[in-house]
Amino acid sequence: MTDSSSPVGAFVLLIVVFAAYFLPTFISAKRNHPNGTGIFLLNFFLGWTFIGWLAALIWSVSAFNKPVVATFKNETASDLRYSQLQALAALKEKGILTEAEFEAEKAKLLQS
């Protein structure tokens, strides 16, 4: 009688099963998913059920919105006046303001 199982084969099988079981966790870690901890916990506790493992896998590959960092340009008073003058000129070109109205508004802007 010969024993066909080897410890090396068992170890390789254990590594493959471990990698397959925690695949959703590895994917979320690689993608820096913001819910990586939740994915790991779902995978760890419910991964033994196929539905739990599948839910963790779908969650790990799902799209997530990265926070948008708003950058504001510090406008000086002269920049603000310039942009307001441009807006007034555009209104005049469209015919919304008359020449007299444009000159009056421009004088107000330049005085302040």
PDB file of N, CA and C in Angstrom:
ATOM      1  N   MET A   1       0.832  -1.172   0.000  1.00  0.00           N
ATOM      2  CA  MET A   1       0.000   0.000   0.000  1.00  0.00           C
ATOM      3  C   MET A   1       0.881   1.241   0.000  1.00  0.00           C
ATOM      4  N   THR A   2       0.593   2.142  -0.919  1.00  0.00           N
ATOM      5  CA  THR A   2       1.354   3.381  -0.990  1.00  0.00           C
ATOM      6  C   THR A   2       0.423   4.554  -0.698  1.00  0.00           C
ATOM      7  N   ASP A   3       0.972   5.527  -0.052  1.00  0.00           N
ATOM      8  CA  ASP A   3       0.217   6.738   0.275  1.00  0.00           C
ATOM      9  C   ASP A   3       0.495   7.758  -0.824  1.00  0.00           C
ATOM     10  N   SER A   4      -0.528   8.114  -1.616  1.00  0.00           N
ATOM     11  CA  SER A   4      -0.318   8.996  -2.753  1.00  0.00           C
ATOM     12  C   SER A   4      -0.364  10.477  -2.371  1.00  0.00           C
ATOM     13  N   SER A   5      -0.773  10.811  -1.161  1.00  0.00           N
ATOM     14  CA  SER A   5      -0.818  12.217  -0.762  1.00  0.00           C
ATOM     15  C   SER A   5       0.543  12.638  -0.218  1.00  0.00           C
ATOM     16  N   SER A   6       0.943  13.831  -0.620  1.00  0.00           N
ATOM     17  CA  SER A   6       2.226  14.331  -0.146  1.00  0.00           C
ATOM     18  C   SER A   6       1.996  15.637   0.616  1.00  0.00           C
ATOM     19  N   PRO A   7       2.836  15.945   1.558  1.00  0.00           N
ATOM     20  CA  PRO A   7       2.680  17.195   2.306  1.00  0.00           C
ATOM     21  C   PRO A   7       2.863  18.427   1.429  1.00  0.00           C
ATOM     22  N   VAL A   8       3.682  18.340   0.404  1.00  0.00           N
ATOM     23  CA  VAL A   8       3.900  19.480  -0.491  1.00  0.00           C
ATOM     24  C   VAL A   8       2.638  19.768  -1.289  1.00  0.00           C
ATOM     25  N   GLY A   9       2.003  18.732  -1.798  1.00  0.00           N
ATOM     26  CA  GLY A   9       0.762  18.904  -2.546  1.00  0.00           C
ATOM     27  C   GLY A   9      -0.344  19.470  -1.669  1.00  0.00           C
ATOM     28  N   ALA A  10      -0.424  19.013  -0.437  1.00  0.00           N
ATOM     29  CA  ALA A  10      -1.428  19.530   0.488  1.00  0.00           C
ATOM     30  C   ALA A  10      -1.173  21.002   0.800  1.00  0.00           C
ATOM     31  N   PHE A  11       0.094  21.362   0.949  1.00  0.00           N
ATOM     32  CA  PHE A  11       0.439  22.753   1.239  1.00  0.00           C
ATOM     33  C   PHE A  11       0.090  23.660   0.055  1.00  0.00           C
ATOM     34  N   VAL A  12       0.387  23.224  -1.154  1.00  0.00           N
ATOM     35  CA  VAL A  12       0.057  23.992  -2.359  1.00  0.00           C
ATOM     36  C   VAL A  12      -1.454  24.153  -2.481  1.00  0.00           C
ATOM     37  N   LEU A  13      -2.194  23.092  -2.212  1.00  0.00           N
ATOM     38  CA  LEU A  13      -3.651  23.170  -2.254  1.00  0.00           C
ATOM     39  C   LEU A  13      -4.182  24.135  -1.205  1.00  0.00           C
ATOM     40  N   LEU A  14      -3.591  24.145  -0.031  1.00  0.00           N
ATOM     41  CA  LEU A  14      -3.991  25.061   1.032  1.00  0.00           C
ATOM     42  C   LEU A  14      -3.754  26.514   0.619  1.00  0.00           C
ATOM     43  N   ILE A  15      -2.641  26.799  -0.013  1.00  0.00           N
ATOM     44  CA  ILE A  15      -2.325  28.154  -0.485  1.00  0.00           C
ATOM     45  C   ILE A  15      -3.318  28.593  -1.562  1.00  0.00           C
ATOM     46  N   VAL A  16      -3.641  27.696  -2.491  1.00  0.00           N
ATOM     47  CA  VAL A  16      -4.586  28.018  -3.564  1.00  0.00           C
ATOM     48  C   VAL A  16      -5.978  28.303  -2.991  1.00  0.00           C
ATOM     49  N   VAL A  17      -6.424  27.491  -2.060  1.00  0.00           N
ATOM     50  CA  VAL A  17      -7.743  27.688  -1.441  1.00  0.00           C
ATOM     51  C   VAL A  17      -7.764  28.995  -0.654  1.00  0.00           C
ATOM     52  N   PHE A  18      -6.691  29.280   0.078  1.00  0.00           N
ATOM     53  CA  PHE A  18      -6.604  30.525   0.844  1.00  0.00           C
ATOM     54  C   PHE A  18      -6.683  31.737  -0.089  1.00  0.00           C
ATOM     55  N   ALA A  19      -5.946  31.706  -1.182  1.00  0.00           N
ATOM     56  CA  ALA A  19      -5.941  32.813  -2.145  1.00  0.00           C
ATOM     57  C   ALA A  19      -7.311  32.988  -2.790  1.00  0.00           C
ATOM     58  N   ALA A  20      -7.962  31.883  -3.128  1.00  0.00           N
ATOM     59  CA  ALA A  20      -9.291  31.973  -3.738  1.00  0.00           C
ATOM     60  C   ALA A  20     -10.316  32.497  -2.742  1.00  0.00           C
ATOM     61  N   TYR A  21     -10.217  32.068  -1.494  1.00  0.00           N
ATOM     62  CA  TYR A  21     -11.169  32.486  -0.463  1.00  0.00           C
ATOM     63  C   TYR A  21     -11.065  33.985  -0.194  1.00  0.00           C
ATOM     64  N   PHE A  22      -9.841  34.496  -0.115  1.00  0.00           N
ATOM     65  CA  PHE A  22      -9.644  35.913   0.195  1.00  0.00           C
ATOM     66  C   PHE A  22      -9.410  36.774  -1.048  1.00  0.00           C
ATOM     67  N   LEU A  23      -9.785  36.297  -2.209  1.00  0.00           N
ATOM     68  CA  LEU A  23      -9.645  37.065  -3.445  1.00  0.00           C
ATOM     69  C   LEU A  23     -10.344  38.423  -3.370  1.00  0.00           C
ATOM     70  N   PRO A  24     -11.591  38.508  -2.871  1.00  0.00           N
ATOM     71  CA  PRO A  24     -12.216  39.835  -2.766  1.00  0.00           C
ATOM     72  C   PRO A  24     -11.428  40.805  -1.884  1.00  0.00           C
ATOM     73  N   THR A  25     -10.858  40.308  -0.803  1.00  0.00           N
ATOM     74  CA  THR A  25     -10.061  41.160   0.082  1.00  0.00           C
ATOM     75  C   THR A  25      -8.804  41.636  -0.620  1.00  0.00           C
ATOM     76  N   PHE A  26      -8.144  40.752  -1.357  1.00  0.00           N
ATOM     77  CA  PHE A  26      -6.943  41.135  -2.076  1.00  0.00           C
ATOM     78  C   PHE A  26      -7.247  42.178  -3.150  1.00  0.00           C
ATOM     79  N   ILE A  27      -8.376  42.017  -3.842  1.00  0.00           N
ATOM     80  CA  ILE A  27      -8.756  42.969  -4.887  1.00  0.00           C
ATOM     81  C   ILE A  27      -9.032  44.340  -4.278  1.00  0.00           C
ATOM     82  N   SER A  28      -9.785  44.376  -3.169  1.00  0.00           N
ATOM     83  CA  SER A  28     -10.101  45.669  -2.552  1.00  0.00           C
ATOM     84  C   SER A  28      -8.845  46.338  -2.005  1.00  0.00           C
ATOM     85  N   ALA A  29      -7.906  45.573  -1.501  1.00  0.00           N
ATOM     86  CA  ALA A  29      -6.656  46.156  -1.013  1.00  0.00           C
ATOM     87  C   ALA A  29      -5.831  46.722  -2.169  1.00  0.00           C
ATOM     88  N   LYS A  30      -5.802  46.011  -3.283  1.00  0.00           N
ATOM     89  CA  LYS A  30      -5.047  46.468  -4.449  1.00  0.00           C
ATOM     90  C   LYS A  30      -5.636  47.759  -5.017  1.00  0.00           C
ATOM     91  N   ARG A  31      -6.974  47.874  -4.980  1.00  0.00           N
ATOM     92  CA  ARG A  31      -7.655  49.045  -5.526  1.00  0.00           C
ATOM     93  C   ARG A  31      -7.776  50.184  -4.516  1.00  0.00           C
ATOM     94  N   ASN A  32      -7.290  49.989  -3.295  1.00  0.00           N
ATOM     95  CA  ASN A  32      -7.443  50.983  -2.222  1.00  0.00           C
ATOM     96  C   ASN A  32      -8.899  51.384  -2.052  1.00  0.00           C
ATOM     97  N   HIS A  33      -9.757  50.370  -2.017  1.00  0.00           N
ATOM     98  CA  HIS A  33     -11.192  50.600  -1.882  1.00  0.00           C
ATOM     99  C   HIS A  33     -11.476  51.230  -0.517  1.00  0.00           C
ATOM    100  N   PRO A  34     -12.309  52.289  -0.474  1.00  0.00           N
ATOM    101  CA  PRO A  34     -12.579  52.942   0.809  1.00  0.00           C
ATOM    102  C   PRO A  34     -13.319  52.038   1.802  1.00  0.00           C
ATOM    103  N   ASN A  35     -13.978  51.004   1.335  1.00  0.00           N
ATOM    104  CA  ASN A  35     -14.697  50.073   2.206  1.00  0.00           C
ATOM    105  C   ASN A  35     -13.944  48.754   2.348  1.00  0.00           C
ATOM    106  N   GLY A  36     -12.644  48.814   2.312  1.00  0.00           N
ATOM    107  CA  GLY A  36     -11.823  47.606   2.367  1.00  0.00           C
ATOM    108  C   GLY A  36     -12.040  46.800   3.635  1.00  0.00           C
ATOM    109  N   THR A  37     -12.228  47.475   4.755  1.00  0.00           N
ATOM    110  CA  THR A  37     -12.448  46.759   6.015  1.00  0.00           C
ATOM    111  C   THR A  37     -13.766  46.005   5.995  1.00  0.00           C
ATOM    112  N   GLY A  38     -14.799  46.653   5.481  1.00  0.00           N
ATOM    113  CA  GLY A  38     -16.100  45.985   5.378  1.00  0.00           C
ATOM    114  C   GLY A  38     -16.059  44.796   4.437  1.00  0.00           C
ATOM    115  N   ILE A  39     -15.334  44.943   3.356  1.00  0.00           N
ATOM    116  CA  ILE A  39     -15.197  43.839   2.410  1.00  0.00           C
ATOM    117  C   ILE A  39     -14.463  42.678   3.066  1.00  0.00           C
ATOM    118  N   PHE A  40     -13.403  42.981   3.822  1.00  0.00           N
ATOM    119  CA  PHE A  40     -12.664  41.923   4.519  1.00  0.00           C
ATOM    120  C   PHE A  40     -13.565  41.207   5.525  1.00  0.00           C
ATOM    121  N   LEU A  41     -14.334  41.980   6.298  1.00  0.00           N
ATOM    122  CA  LEU A  41     -15.190  41.353   7.314  1.00  0.00           C
ATOM    123  C   LEU A  41     -16.267  40.476   6.678  1.00  0.00           C
ATOM    124  N   LEU A  42     -16.882  40.956   5.602  1.00  0.00           N
ATOM    125  CA  LEU A  42     -17.878  40.153   4.895  1.00  0.00           C
ATOM    126  C   LEU A  42     -17.228  38.888   4.343  1.00  0.00           C
ATOM    127  N   ASN A  43     -16.052  39.052   3.762  1.00  0.00           N
ATOM    128  CA  ASN A  43     -15.336  37.915   3.199  1.00  0.00           C
ATOM    129  C   ASN A  43     -14.917  36.919   4.281  1.00  0.00           C
ATOM    130  N   PHE A  44     -14.455  37.418   5.418  1.00  0.00           N
ATOM    131  CA  PHE A  44     -13.971  36.563   6.496  1.00  0.00           C
ATOM    132  C   PHE A  44     -15.106  35.774   7.144  1.00  0.00           C
ATOM    133  N   PHE A  45     -16.219  36.471   7.454  1.00  0.00           N
ATOM    134  CA  PHE A  45     -17.293  35.811   8.192  1.00  0.00           C
ATOM    135  C   PHE A  45     -18.306  35.082   7.315  1.00  0.00           C
ATOM    136  N   LEU A  46     -18.570  35.593   6.111  1.00  0.00           N
ATOM    137  CA  LEU A  46     -19.583  34.957   5.262  1.00  0.00           C
ATOM    138  C   LEU A  46     -19.026  34.421   3.945  1.00  0.00           C
ATOM    139  N   GLY A  47     -17.722  34.457   3.784  1.00  0.00           N
ATOM    140  CA  GLY A  47     -17.123  33.970   2.545  1.00  0.00           C
ATOM    141  C   GLY A  47     -17.280  32.484   2.343  1.00  0.00           C
ATOM    142  N   TRP A  48     -17.502  31.742   3.419  1.00  0.00           N
ATOM    143  CA  TRP A  48     -17.663  30.296   3.284  1.00  0.00           C
ATOM    144  C   TRP A  48     -18.965  29.951   2.580  1.00  0.00           C
ATOM    145  N   THR A  49     -19.936  30.896   2.612  1.00  0.00           N
ATOM    146  CA  THR A  49     -21.135  30.698   1.790  1.00  0.00           C
ATOM    147  C   THR A  49     -20.812  31.298   0.426  1.00  0.00           C
ATOM    148  N   PHE A  50     -21.248  30.682  -0.604  1.00  0.00           N
ATOM    149  CA  PHE A  50     -20.939  31.199  -1.936  1.00  0.00           C
ATOM    150  C   PHE A  50     -21.533  32.586  -2.127  1.00  0.00           C
ATOM    151  N   ILE A  51     -22.727  32.839  -1.573  1.00  0.00           N
ATOM    152  CA  ILE A  51     -23.374  34.138  -1.728  1.00  0.00           C
ATOM    153  C   ILE A  51     -22.568  35.222  -1.008  1.00  0.00           C
ATOM    154  N   GLY A  52     -22.073  34.937   0.182  1.00  0.00           N
ATOM    155  CA  GLY A  52     -21.246  35.901   0.895  1.00  0.00           C
ATOM    156  C   GLY A  52     -19.964  36.205   0.158  1.00  0.00           C
ATOM    157  N   TRP A  53     -19.323  35.178  -0.385  1.00  0.00           N
ATOM    158  CA  TRP A  53     -18.096  35.370  -1.147  1.00  0.00           C
ATOM    159  C   TRP A  53     -18.365  36.180  -2.408  1.00  0.00           C
ATOM    160  N   LEU A  54     -19.471  35.861  -3.095  1.00  0.00           N
ATOM    161  CA  LEU A  54     -19.825  36.572  -4.316  1.00  0.00           C
ATOM    162  C   LEU A  54     -20.156  38.031  -4.025  1.00  0.00           C
ATOM    163  N   ALA A  55     -20.869  38.294  -2.921  1.00  0.00           N
ATOM    164  CA  ALA A  55     -21.185  39.673  -2.540  1.00  0.00           C
ATOM    165  C   ALA A  55     -19.908  40.458  -2.250  1.00  0.00           C
ATOM    166  N   ALA A  56     -18.968  39.838  -1.551  1.00  0.00           N
ATOM    167  CA  ALA A  56     -17.697  40.502  -1.260  1.00  0.00           C
ATOM    168  C   ALA A  56     -16.911  40.764  -2.548  1.00  0.00           C
ATOM    169  N   LEU A  57     -16.947  39.825  -3.473  1.00  0.00           N
ATOM    170  CA  LEU A  57     -16.247  40.003  -4.744  1.00  0.00           C
ATOM    171  C   LEU A  57     -16.856  41.147  -5.555  1.00  0.00           C
ATOM    172  N   ILE A  58     -18.179  41.178  -5.645  1.00  0.00           N
ATOM    173  CA  ILE A  58     -18.844  42.248  -6.399  1.00  0.00           C
ATOM    174  C   ILE A  58     -18.565  43.599  -5.751  1.00  0.00           C
ATOM    175  N   TRP A  59     -18.617  43.637  -4.420  1.00  0.00           N
ATOM    176  CA  TRP A  59     -18.356  44.879  -3.707  1.00  0.00           C
ATOM    177  C   TRP A  59     -16.919  45.348  -3.922  1.00  0.00           C
ATOM    178  N   SER A  60     -15.996  44.423  -3.974  1.00  0.00           N
ATOM    179  CA  SER A  60     -14.592  44.808  -4.120  1.00  0.00           C
ATOM    180  C   SER A  60     -14.272  45.357  -5.503  1.00  0.00           C
ATOM    181  N   VAL A  61     -15.003  44.928  -6.524  1.00  0.00           N
ATOM    182  CA  VAL A  61     -14.733  45.423  -7.873  1.00  0.00           C
ATOM    183  C   VAL A  61     -15.675  46.542  -8.286  1.00  0.00           C
ATOM    184  N   SER A  62     -16.589  46.911  -7.388  1.00  0.00           N
ATOM    185  CA  SER A  62     -17.539  47.967  -7.731  1.00  0.00           C
ATOM    186  C   SER A  62     -16.827  49.310  -7.817  1.00  0.00           C
ATOM    187  N   ALA A  63     -17.402  50.177  -8.618  1.00  0.00           N
ATOM    188  CA  ALA A  63     -16.834  51.512  -8.784  1.00  0.00           C
ATOM    189  C   ALA A  63     -17.105  52.334  -7.540  1.00  0.00           C
ATOM    190  N   PHE A  64     -16.185  53.192  -7.228  1.00  0.00           N
ATOM    191  CA  PHE A  64     -16.381  54.099  -6.112  1.00  0.00           C
ATOM    192  C   PHE A  64     -15.890  55.467  -6.530  1.00  0.00           C
ATOM    193  N   ASN A  65     -16.544  56.476  -6.000  1.00  0.00           N
ATOM    194  CA  ASN A  65     -16.188  57.847  -6.339  1.00  0.00           C
ATOM    195  C   ASN A  65     -15.104  58.340  -5.395  1.00  0.00           C
ATOM    196  N   LYS A  66     -14.052  58.807  -5.974  1.00  0.00           N
ATOM    197  CA  LYS A  66     -12.995  59.391  -5.166  1.00  0.00           C
ATOM    198  C   LYS A  66     -13.428  60.799  -4.783  1.00  0.00           C
ATOM    199  N   PRO A  67     -13.111  61.219  -3.561  1.00  0.00           N
ATOM    200  CA  PRO A  67     -13.517  62.558  -3.168  1.00  0.00           C
ATOM    201  C   PRO A  67     -12.845  63.614  -4.038  1.00  0.00           C
ATOM    202  N   VAL A  68     -13.632  64.572  -4.445  1.00  0.00           N
ATOM    203  CA  VAL A  68     -13.128  65.645  -5.287  1.00  0.00           C
ATOM    204  C   VAL A  68     -12.654  66.770  -4.379  1.00  0.00           C
ATOM    205  N   VAL A  69     -11.440  67.173  -4.567  1.00  0.00           N
ATOM    206  CA  VAL A  69     -10.888  68.265  -3.780  1.00  0.00           C
ATOM    207  C   VAL A  69     -11.093  69.545  -4.565  1.00  0.00           C
ATOM    208  N   ALA A  70     -11.861  70.436  -3.982  1.00  0.00           N
ATOM    209  CA  ALA A  70     -12.147  71.697  -4.658  1.00  0.00           C
ATOM    210  C   ALA A  70     -10.984  72.654  -4.470  1.00  0.00           C
ATOM    211  N   THR A  71     -10.580  73.255  -5.551  1.00  0.00           N
ATOM    212  CA  THR A  71      -9.537  74.264  -5.474  1.00  0.00           C
ATOM    213  C   THR A  71     -10.137  75.585  -5.902  1.00  0.00           C
ATOM    214  N   PHE A  72      -9.920  76.569  -5.109  1.00  0.00           N
ATOM    215  CA  PHE A  72     -10.450  77.888  -5.396  1.00  0.00           C
ATOM    216  C   PHE A  72      -9.295  78.829  -5.698  1.00  0.00           C
ATOM    217  N   LYS A  73      -9.507  79.608  -6.713  1.00  0.00           N
ATOM    218  CA  LYS A  73      -8.510  80.579  -7.096  1.00  0.00           C
ATOM    219  C   LYS A  73      -8.728  81.821  -6.247  1.00  0.00           C
ATOM    220  N   ASN A  74      -7.693  82.275  -5.611  1.00  0.00           N
ATOM    221  CA  ASN A  74      -7.793  83.497  -4.823  1.00  0.00           C
ATOM    222  C   ASN A  74      -7.813  84.685  -5.771  1.00  0.00           C
ATOM    223  N   GLU A  75      -8.983  85.280  -5.886  1.00  0.00           N
ATOM    224  CA  GLU A  75      -9.106  86.425  -6.772  1.00  0.00           C
ATOM    225  C   GLU A  75      -8.860  87.693  -5.987  1.00  0.00           C
ATOM    226  N   THR A  76      -8.069  88.542  -6.550  1.00  0.00           N
ATOM    227  CA  THR A  76      -7.864  89.843  -5.941  1.00  0.00           C
ATOM    228  C   THR A  76      -9.003  90.747  -6.380  1.00  0.00           C
ATOM    229  N   ALA A  77      -9.071  91.916  -5.797  1.00  0.00           N
ATOM    230  CA  ALA A  77     -10.142  92.859  -6.134  1.00  0.00           C
ATOM    231  C   ALA A  77     -10.073  93.257  -7.607  1.00  0.00           C
ATOM    232  N   SER A  78      -8.851  93.411  -8.122  1.00  0.00           N
ATOM    233  CA  SER A  78      -8.727  93.804  -9.533  1.00  0.00           C
ATOM    234  C   SER A  78      -9.161  92.670 -10.463  1.00  0.00           C
ATOM    235  N   ASP A  79      -8.877  91.409 -10.074  1.00  0.00           N
ATOM    236  CA  ASP A  79      -9.332  90.274 -10.878  1.00  0.00           C
ATOM    237  C   ASP A  79     -10.853  90.206 -10.893  1.00  0.00           C
ATOM    238  N   LEU A  80     -11.457  90.465  -9.744  1.00  0.00           N
ATOM    239  CA  LEU A  80     -12.915  90.435  -9.649  1.00  0.00           C
ATOM    240  C   LEU A  80     -13.524  91.529 -10.508  1.00  0.00           C
ATOM    241  N   ARG A  81     -12.952  92.729 -10.443  1.00  0.00           N
ATOM    242  CA  ARG A  81     -13.466  93.840 -11.266  1.00  0.00           C
ATOM    243  C   ARG A  81     -13.328  93.505 -12.755  1.00  0.00           C
ATOM    244  N   TYR A  82     -12.199  92.919 -13.114  1.00  0.00           N
ATOM    245  CA  TYR A  82     -11.970  92.572 -14.519  1.00  0.00           C
ATOM    246  C   TYR A  82     -13.005  91.570 -15.013  1.00  0.00           C
ATOM    247  N   SER A  83     -13.298  90.549 -14.199  1.00  0.00           N
ATOM    248  CA  SER A  83     -14.287  89.553 -14.621  1.00  0.00           C
ATOM    249  C   SER A  83     -15.686  90.159 -14.684  1.00  0.00           C
ATOM    250  N   GLN A  84     -15.981  91.106 -13.775  1.00  0.00           N
ATOM    251  CA  GLN A  84     -17.287  91.776 -13.826  1.00  0.00           C
ATOM    252  C   GLN A  84     -17.387  92.664 -15.062  1.00  0.00           C
ATOM    253  N   LEU A  85     -16.280  93.320 -15.419  1.00  0.00           N
ATOM    254  CA  LEU A  85     -16.284  94.133 -16.647  1.00  0.00           C
ATOM    255  C   LEU A  85     -16.465  93.265 -17.885  1.00  0.00           C
ATOM    256  N   GLN A  86     -15.862  92.099 -17.882  1.00  0.00           N
ATOM    257  CA  GLN A  86     -16.045  91.180 -19.009  1.00  0.00           C
ATOM    258  C   GLN A  86     -17.503  90.747 -19.116  1.00  0.00           C
ATOM    259  N   ALA A  87     -18.129  90.483 -17.981  1.00  0.00           N
ATOM    260  CA  ALA A  87     -19.534  90.076 -17.993  1.00  0.00           C
ATOM    261  C   ALA A  87     -20.400  91.208 -18.511  1.00  0.00           C
ATOM    262  N   LEU A  88     -20.116  92.445 -18.088  1.00  0.00           N
ATOM    263  CA  LEU A  88     -20.879  93.592 -18.588  1.00  0.00           C
ATOM    264  C   LEU A  88     -20.691  93.762 -20.093  1.00  0.00           C
ATOM    265  N   ALA A  89     -19.451  93.607 -20.578  1.00  0.00           N
ATOM    266  CA  ALA A  89     -19.189  93.740 -22.014  1.00  0.00           C
ATOM    267  C   ALA A  89     -19.934  92.666 -22.798  1.00  0.00           C
ATOM    268  N   ALA A  90     -20.007  91.466 -22.251  1.00  0.00           N
ATOM    269  CA  ALA A  90     -20.734  90.396 -22.934  1.00  0.00           C
ATOM    270  C   ALA A  90     -22.221  90.719 -22.997  1.00  0.00           C
ATOM    271  N   LEU A  91     -22.769  91.287 -21.917  1.00  0.00           N
ATOM    272  CA  LEU A  91     -24.183  91.675 -21.923  1.00  0.00           C
ATOM    273  C   LEU A  91     -24.437  92.781 -22.946  1.00  0.00           C
ATOM    274  N   LYS A  92     -23.479  93.705 -23.064  1.00  0.00           N
ATOM    275  CA  LYS A  92     -23.627  94.789 -24.039  1.00  0.00           C
ATOM    276  C   LYS A  92     -23.572  94.233 -25.462  1.00  0.00           C
ATOM    277  N   GLU A  93     -22.669  93.295 -25.706  1.00  0.00           N
ATOM    278  CA  GLU A  93     -22.548  92.714 -27.048  1.00  0.00           C
ATOM    279  C   GLU A  93     -23.797  91.937 -27.443  1.00  0.00           C
ATOM    280  N   LYS A  94     -24.457  91.321 -26.463  1.00  0.00           N
ATOM    281  CA  LYS A  94     -25.674  90.563 -26.752  1.00  0.00           C
ATOM    282  C   LYS A  94     -26.880  91.477 -26.934  1.00  0.00           C
ATOM    283  N   GLY A  95     -26.712  92.760 -26.607  1.00  0.00           N
ATOM    284  CA  GLY A  95     -27.806  93.703 -26.761  1.00  0.00           C
ATOM    285  C   GLY A  95     -28.696  93.802 -25.539  1.00  0.00           C
ATOM    286  N   ILE A  96     -28.294  93.202 -24.454  1.00  0.00           N
ATOM    287  CA  ILE A  96     -29.101  93.253 -23.236  1.00  0.00           C
ATOM    288  C   ILE A  96     -28.929  94.599 -22.552  1.00  0.00           C
ATOM    289  N   LEU A  97     -27.696  95.152 -22.600  1.00  0.00           N
ATOM    290  CA  LEU A  97     -27.430  96.476 -22.033  1.00  0.00           C
ATOM    291  C   LEU A  97     -27.216  97.474 -23.163  1.00  0.00           C
ATOM    292  N   THR A  98     -27.709  98.685 -22.936  1.00  0.00           N
ATOM    293  CA  THR A  98     -27.429  99.758 -23.896  1.00  0.00           C
ATOM    294  C   THR A  98     -26.060 100.330 -23.573  1.00  0.00           C
ATOM    295  N   GLU A  99     -25.578 101.201 -24.471  1.00  0.00           N
ATOM    296  CA  GLU A  99     -24.276 101.839 -24.256  1.00  0.00           C
ATOM    297  C   GLU A  99     -24.283 102.674 -22.986  1.00  0.00           C
ATOM    298  N   ALA A 100     -25.361 103.375 -22.728  1.00  0.00           N
ATOM    299  CA  ALA A 100     -25.447 104.231 -21.530  1.00  0.00           C
ATOM    300  C   ALA A 100     -25.465 103.372 -20.252  1.00  0.00           C
ATOM    301  N   GLU A 101     -26.223 102.279 -20.278  1.00  0.00           N
ATOM    302  CA  GLU A 101     -26.266 101.397 -19.108  1.00  0.00           C
ATOM    303  C   GLU A 101     -24.900 100.759 -18.851  1.00  0.00           C
ATOM    304  N   PHE A 102     -24.234 100.385 -19.943  1.00  0.00           N
ATOM    305  CA  PHE A 102     -22.907  99.794 -19.810  1.00  0.00           C
ATOM    306  C   PHE A 102     -21.928 100.778 -19.177  1.00  0.00           C
ATOM    307  N   GLU A 103     -21.938 102.032 -19.666  1.00  0.00           N
ATOM    308  CA  GLU A 103     -21.020 103.038 -19.138  1.00  0.00           C
ATOM    309  C   GLU A 103     -21.323 103.348 -17.680  1.00  0.00           C
ATOM    310  N   ALA A 104     -22.606 103.355 -17.289  1.00  0.00           N
ATOM    311  CA  ALA A 104     -22.979 103.640 -15.905  1.00  0.00           C
ATOM    312  C   ALA A 104     -22.492 102.509 -14.981  1.00  0.00           C
ATOM    313  N   GLU A 105     -22.715 101.275 -15.389  1.00  0.00           N
ATOM    314  CA  GLU A 105     -22.276 100.139 -14.573  1.00  0.00           C
ATOM    315  C   GLU A 105     -20.757 100.058 -14.512  1.00  0.00           C
ATOM    316  N   LYS A 106     -20.101 100.387 -15.610  1.00  0.00           N
ATOM    317  CA  LYS A 106     -18.650 100.366 -15.626  1.00  0.00           C
ATOM    318  C   LYS A 106     -18.088 101.428 -14.683  1.00  0.00           C
ATOM    319  N   ALA A 107     -18.706 102.598 -14.664  1.00  0.00           N
ATOM    320  CA  ALA A 107     -18.258 103.665 -13.755  1.00  0.00           C
ATOM    321  C   ALA A 107     -18.440 103.227 -12.297  1.00  0.00           C
ATOM    322  N   LYS A 108     -19.541 102.564 -11.994  1.00  0.00           N
ATOM    323  CA  LYS A 108     -19.758 102.067 -10.615  1.00  0.00           C
ATOM    324  C   LYS A 108     -18.670 101.071 -10.219  1.00  0.00           C
ATOM    325  N   LEU A 109     -18.352 100.183 -11.122  1.00  0.00           N
ATOM    326  CA  LEU A 109     -17.314  99.183 -10.834  1.00  0.00           C
ATOM    327  C   LEU A 109     -15.950  99.800 -10.612  1.00  0.00           C
ATOM    328  N   LEU A 110     -15.622 100.784 -11.448  1.00  0.00           N
ATOM    329  CA  LEU A 110     -14.295 101.364 -11.353  1.00  0.00           C
ATOM    330  C   LEU A 110     -14.143 102.281 -10.155  1.00  0.00           C
ATOM    331  N   GLN A 111     -15.250 102.788  -9.622  1.00  0.00           N
ATOM    332  CA  GLN A 111     -15.190 103.663  -8.451  1.00  0.00           C
ATOM    333  C   GLN A 111     -14.976 102.851  -7.178  1.00  0.00           C
ATOM    334  N   SER A 112     -15.515 101.661  -7.124  1.00  0.00           N
ATOM    335  CA  SER A 112     -15.414 100.878  -5.879  1.00  0.00           C
ATOM    336  C   SER A 112     -14.089 100.218  -5.709  1.00  0.00           C
TER     337      SER A 112
END
